[in-house]
């Protein structure tokens, strides 16, 4: 269990390093071009997802996301005791990853996002779609081609940065952690609860729709 929790914390931390670090680097180099910054952010995140899922998947299942862990629990593929342990490890790892990114770019370690406002019905609905799509890719991939799941998730998130208005957080741990960074990839802490609620609603919808759709037979 300790190895699995360490893998979940490390993987989520590495994911946040890529999200925050690439956002900072993109803003530094893109000369105000927001589209170019988002493209760099999306590519870096997708690349990191492929790497951490491939490497850490055999250890913990490579959830790195409380919504994914909850979905596995609802499918009875993850015991409640594991879910209760996975979620804090993912959140703690994500926050540590944010702080590591700040250190790399010589920024104050302790921050709260005050400039990145992400709220409103369109973005909340976007998070439902983004999270539902992520679960569709994961569980559909596990049924059709398990070895392709790292690629599928990486490609999906890279694309979802662009086709969702929220830029596809799709992850409560990532959402919480990004509240601790007043940078390009941050989110105002006051806007976090509705994002997480939308993500959890997507888990419920995915359980109701995907389980019968993707069942064998």
Protein backbone atom coordinates (compact mmCIF):
# COMPACT_ATOMS: atom_id res chain seq x y z
CA UNK A 1 0.00 0.00 0.00
CA UNK A 2 2.79 2.44 0.80
CA UNK A 3 4.31 1.89 -2.64
CA UNK A 4 0.94 2.49 -4.25
CA UNK A 5 0.32 5.68 -2.27
CA UNK A 6 3.83 6.90 -3.07
CA UNK A 7 3.18 6.22 -6.77
CA UNK A 8 -0.10 8.15 -6.66
CA UNK A 9 1.50 11.09 -4.87
CA UNK A 10 4.56 11.13 -7.12
CA UNK A 11 2.54 10.80 -10.30
CA UNK A 12 0.13 13.57 -9.34
CA UNK A 13 3.07 15.74 -8.32
CA UNK A 14 4.80 15.19 -11.66
CA UNK A 15 1.55 16.00 -13.45
CA UNK A 16 1.28 19.34 -11.63
CA UNK A 17 4.93 20.13 -12.30
CA UNK A 18 4.17 19.78 -16.00
CA UNK A 19 0.95 21.81 -15.83
CA UNK A 20 2.31 24.71 -13.79
CA UNK A 21 5.87 24.66 -15.08
CA UNK A 22 4.92 24.59 -18.75
CA UNK A 23 2.40 27.37 -18.14
CA UNK A 24 5.06 29.58 -16.60
CA UNK A 25 7.58 28.80 -19.33
CA UNK A 26 5.00 29.38 -22.05
CA UNK A 27 4.07 32.82 -20.72
CA UNK A 28 7.75 33.72 -20.43
CA UNK A 29 8.47 32.77 -24.05
CA UNK A 30 5.22 33.39 -25.95
CA UNK A 31 5.36 37.18 -25.78
CA UNK A 32 1.72 37.53 -24.84
CA UNK A 33 0.36 35.01 -27.35
CA UNK A 34 -2.23 33.19 -25.23
CA UNK A 35 -2.99 30.59 -27.90
CA UNK A 36 0.68 29.64 -28.14
CA UNK A 37 0.90 29.47 -24.35
CA UNK A 38 -2.10 27.14 -24.19
CA UNK A 39 -0.65 24.94 -26.93
CA UNK A 40 2.63 24.58 -25.05
CA UNK A 41 0.77 23.88 -21.83
CA UNK A 42 -1.37 21.20 -23.48
CA UNK A 43 1.52 19.42 -25.18
CA UNK A 44 3.65 19.33 -22.04
CA UNK A 45 0.77 17.98 -19.98
CA UNK A 46 -0.04 15.28 -22.54
CA UNK A 47 3.59 14.18 -22.70
CA UNK A 48 3.82 13.93 -18.92
CA UNK A 49 0.59 11.96 -18.70
CA UNK A 50 1.89 9.38 -21.14
CA UNK A 51 5.11 9.02 -19.14
CA UNK A 52 3.65 8.75 -15.65
CA UNK A 53 0.80 6.41 -16.62
CA UNK A 54 3.22 4.10 -18.44
CA UNK A 55 5.76 4.03 -15.61
CA UNK A 56 3.52 4.06 -12.54
CA UNK A 57 0.47 2.23 -13.88
CA UNK A 58 1.79 -1.22 -12.90
CA UNK A 59 2.28 -0.02 -9.31
CA UNK A 60 -0.90 1.86 -8.40
CA UNK A 61 -3.11 1.81 -11.47
CA UNK A 62 -2.01 5.37 -12.29
CA UNK A 63 -5.16 7.18 -11.22
CA UNK A 64 -3.58 10.51 -10.15
CA UNK A 65 -7.14 11.79 -9.92
CA UNK A 66 -9.80 11.42 -7.19
CA UNK A 67 -12.54 11.35 -9.85
CA UNK A 68 -10.89 8.36 -11.52
CA UNK A 69 -10.40 6.62 -8.16
CA UNK A 70 -14.05 7.23 -7.28
CA UNK A 71 -15.13 5.82 -10.65
CA UNK A 72 -13.09 2.66 -10.03
CA UNK A 73 -14.64 2.38 -6.57
CA UNK A 74 -18.16 2.63 -8.02
CA UNK A 75 -17.24 -0.17 -10.43
CA UNK A 76 -16.09 -2.21 -7.40
CA UNK A 77 -12.57 -2.30 -8.83
CA UNK A 78 -11.11 -0.29 -5.92
CA UNK A 79 -11.88 -0.97 -2.24
CA UNK A 80 -13.24 1.89 -0.14
CA UNK A 81 -10.18 1.69 2.11
CA UNK A 82 -7.93 2.30 -0.90
CA UNK A 83 -10.09 5.19 -2.13
CA UNK A 84 -9.85 6.87 1.26
CA UNK A 85 -6.06 6.61 1.11
CA UNK A 86 -5.59 7.46 -2.57
CA UNK A 87 -7.39 10.81 -2.49
CA UNK A 88 -5.25 12.53 0.19
CA UNK A 89 -2.10 11.19 -1.45
CA UNK A 90 -3.17 12.62 -4.80
CA UNK A 91 -4.04 16.03 -3.34
CA UNK A 92 -0.84 16.25 -1.29
CA UNK A 93 1.27 15.18 -4.25
CA UNK A 94 -0.39 17.75 -6.48
CA UNK A 95 0.28 20.62 -4.08
CA UNK A 96 3.91 19.55 -3.68
CA UNK A 97 4.21 19.47 -7.47
CA UNK A 98 2.94 23.06 -7.67
CA UNK A 99 5.48 24.17 -5.10
CA UNK A 100 8.27 22.35 -6.95
CA UNK A 101 7.36 24.22 -10.15
CA UNK A 102 7.50 27.52 -8.28
CA UNK A 103 10.97 26.69 -6.99
CA UNK A 104 12.18 25.83 -10.51
CA UNK A 105 11.10 29.23 -11.82
CA UNK A 106 12.27 31.21 -8.78
CA UNK A 107 8.76 32.22 -7.75
CA UNK A 108 7.34 32.49 -4.23
CA UNK A 109 6.54 28.94 -3.14
CA UNK A 110 3.40 29.80 -1.21
CA UNK A 111 0.80 31.45 -3.43
CA UNK A 112 -2.94 31.59 -3.95
CA UNK A 113 -4.34 32.24 -7.40
CA UNK A 114 -5.94 35.68 -7.52
CA UNK A 115 -5.89 36.48 -11.24
CA UNK A 116 -7.20 33.37 -12.99
CA UNK A 117 -10.99 33.55 -12.80
CA UNK A 118 -12.67 30.38 -14.04
CA UNK A 119 -16.37 30.35 -13.31
CA UNK A 120 -19.83 30.34 -14.85
CA UNK A 121 -22.25 27.79 -16.22
CA UNK A 122 -20.35 27.25 -19.45
CA UNK A 123 -17.13 26.31 -17.66
CA UNK A 124 -18.94 24.12 -15.13
CA UNK A 125 -20.67 22.24 -17.95
CA UNK A 126 -17.30 22.06 -19.69
CA UNK A 127 -15.86 20.27 -16.65
CA UNK A 128 -18.68 17.74 -16.75
CA UNK A 129 -17.90 17.02 -20.40
CA UNK A 130 -14.13 16.97 -19.83
CA UNK A 131 -14.34 14.55 -16.89
CA UNK A 132 -16.92 12.32 -18.56
CA UNK A 133 -14.72 12.15 -21.65
CA UNK A 134 -11.68 11.23 -19.60
CA UNK A 135 -13.54 8.35 -17.94
CA UNK A 136 -14.89 7.26 -21.32
CA UNK A 137 -11.33 7.07 -22.67
CA UNK A 138 -10.01 5.22 -19.62
CA UNK A 139 -12.72 2.59 -19.30
CA UNK A 140 -13.25 2.25 -23.02
CA UNK A 141 -9.52 1.82 -23.47
CA UNK A 142 -9.30 -0.77 -20.69
CA UNK A 143 -12.01 -2.79 -22.44
CA UNK A 144 -10.70 -2.45 -26.00
CA UNK A 145 -6.90 -2.05 -25.76
CA UNK A 146 -5.49 -1.82 -22.22
CA UNK A 147 -1.95 -1.24 -23.47
CA UNK A 148 -3.13 1.89 -25.30
CA UNK A 149 -4.57 3.66 -22.23
CA UNK A 150 -1.50 5.88 -21.61
CA UNK A 151 -1.63 7.10 -25.21
CA UNK A 152 -5.39 7.52 -25.18
CA UNK A 153 -5.38 9.60 -21.98
CA UNK A 154 -2.46 11.73 -23.15
CA UNK A 155 -4.10 12.44 -26.50
CA UNK A 156 -7.50 13.11 -24.95
CA UNK A 157 -6.24 15.64 -22.40
CA UNK A 158 -4.04 17.37 -24.98
CA UNK A 159 -7.08 17.80 -27.20
CA UNK A 160 -9.46 18.65 -24.35
CA UNK A 161 -7.30 21.64 -23.38
CA UNK A 162 -8.57 23.09 -26.67
CA UNK A 163 -12.12 21.85 -27.14
CA UNK A 164 -13.36 22.64 -23.60
CA UNK A 165 -13.92 26.17 -22.35
CA UNK A 166 -12.43 25.28 -18.96
CA UNK A 167 -9.26 23.84 -20.54
CA UNK A 168 -10.17 20.44 -19.07
CA UNK A 169 -9.09 20.27 -15.43
CA UNK A 170 -11.14 17.02 -15.11
CA UNK A 171 -9.43 16.22 -11.81
CA UNK A 172 -10.28 17.41 -8.26
CA UNK A 173 -6.69 17.03 -7.03
CA UNK A 174 -5.37 19.07 -9.96
CA UNK A 175 -8.10 21.66 -9.39
CA UNK A 176 -7.21 22.07 -5.72
CA UNK A 177 -3.47 22.19 -6.40
CA UNK A 178 -3.82 24.79 -9.18
CA UNK A 179 -5.51 27.07 -6.67
CA UNK A 180 -2.09 27.37 -5.01
CA UNK A 181 -0.45 28.96 -8.06
CA UNK A 182 -1.03 32.54 -9.18
CA UNK A 183 0.26 31.73 -12.66
CA UNK A 184 -1.12 30.95 -16.14
CA UNK A 185 -2.49 27.55 -15.04
CA UNK A 186 -3.96 28.71 -11.73
CA UNK A 187 -7.58 28.95 -10.63
CA UNK A 188 -9.10 31.34 -8.11
CA UNK A 189 -9.72 29.29 -4.93
CA UNK A 190 -13.27 30.61 -4.75
CA UNK A 191 -14.03 28.91 -8.04
CA UNK A 192 -12.69 25.49 -7.03
CA UNK A 193 -15.83 24.05 -5.33
CA UNK A 194 -18.05 24.31 -8.41
CA UNK A 195 -15.36 22.78 -10.62
CA UNK A 196 -15.09 19.82 -8.25
CA UNK A 197 -18.87 19.47 -8.04
CA UNK A 198 -19.04 19.36 -11.85
CA UNK A 199 -16.31 16.72 -11.95
CA UNK A 200 -18.13 14.56 -9.39
CA UNK A 201 -21.39 14.90 -11.31
CA UNK A 202 -19.53 13.61 -14.35
CA UNK A 203 -18.39 10.56 -12.37
CA UNK A 204 -22.01 9.77 -11.56
CA UNK A 205 -23.09 10.26 -15.17
CA UNK A 206 -20.23 8.11 -16.43
CA UNK A 207 -21.12 5.32 -14.02
CA UNK A 208 -24.72 5.30 -15.22
CA UNK A 209 -23.92 5.54 -18.93
CA UNK A 210 -20.55 3.86 -19.49
CA UNK A 211 -20.99 0.79 -17.32
CA UNK A 212 -23.85 -0.68 -19.42
CA UNK A 213 -22.39 0.67 -22.66
CA UNK A 214 -18.97 -0.89 -22.23
CA UNK A 215 -19.94 -4.14 -20.53
CA UNK A 216 -18.95 -7.40 -22.18
CA UNK A 217 -21.49 -9.17 -24.30
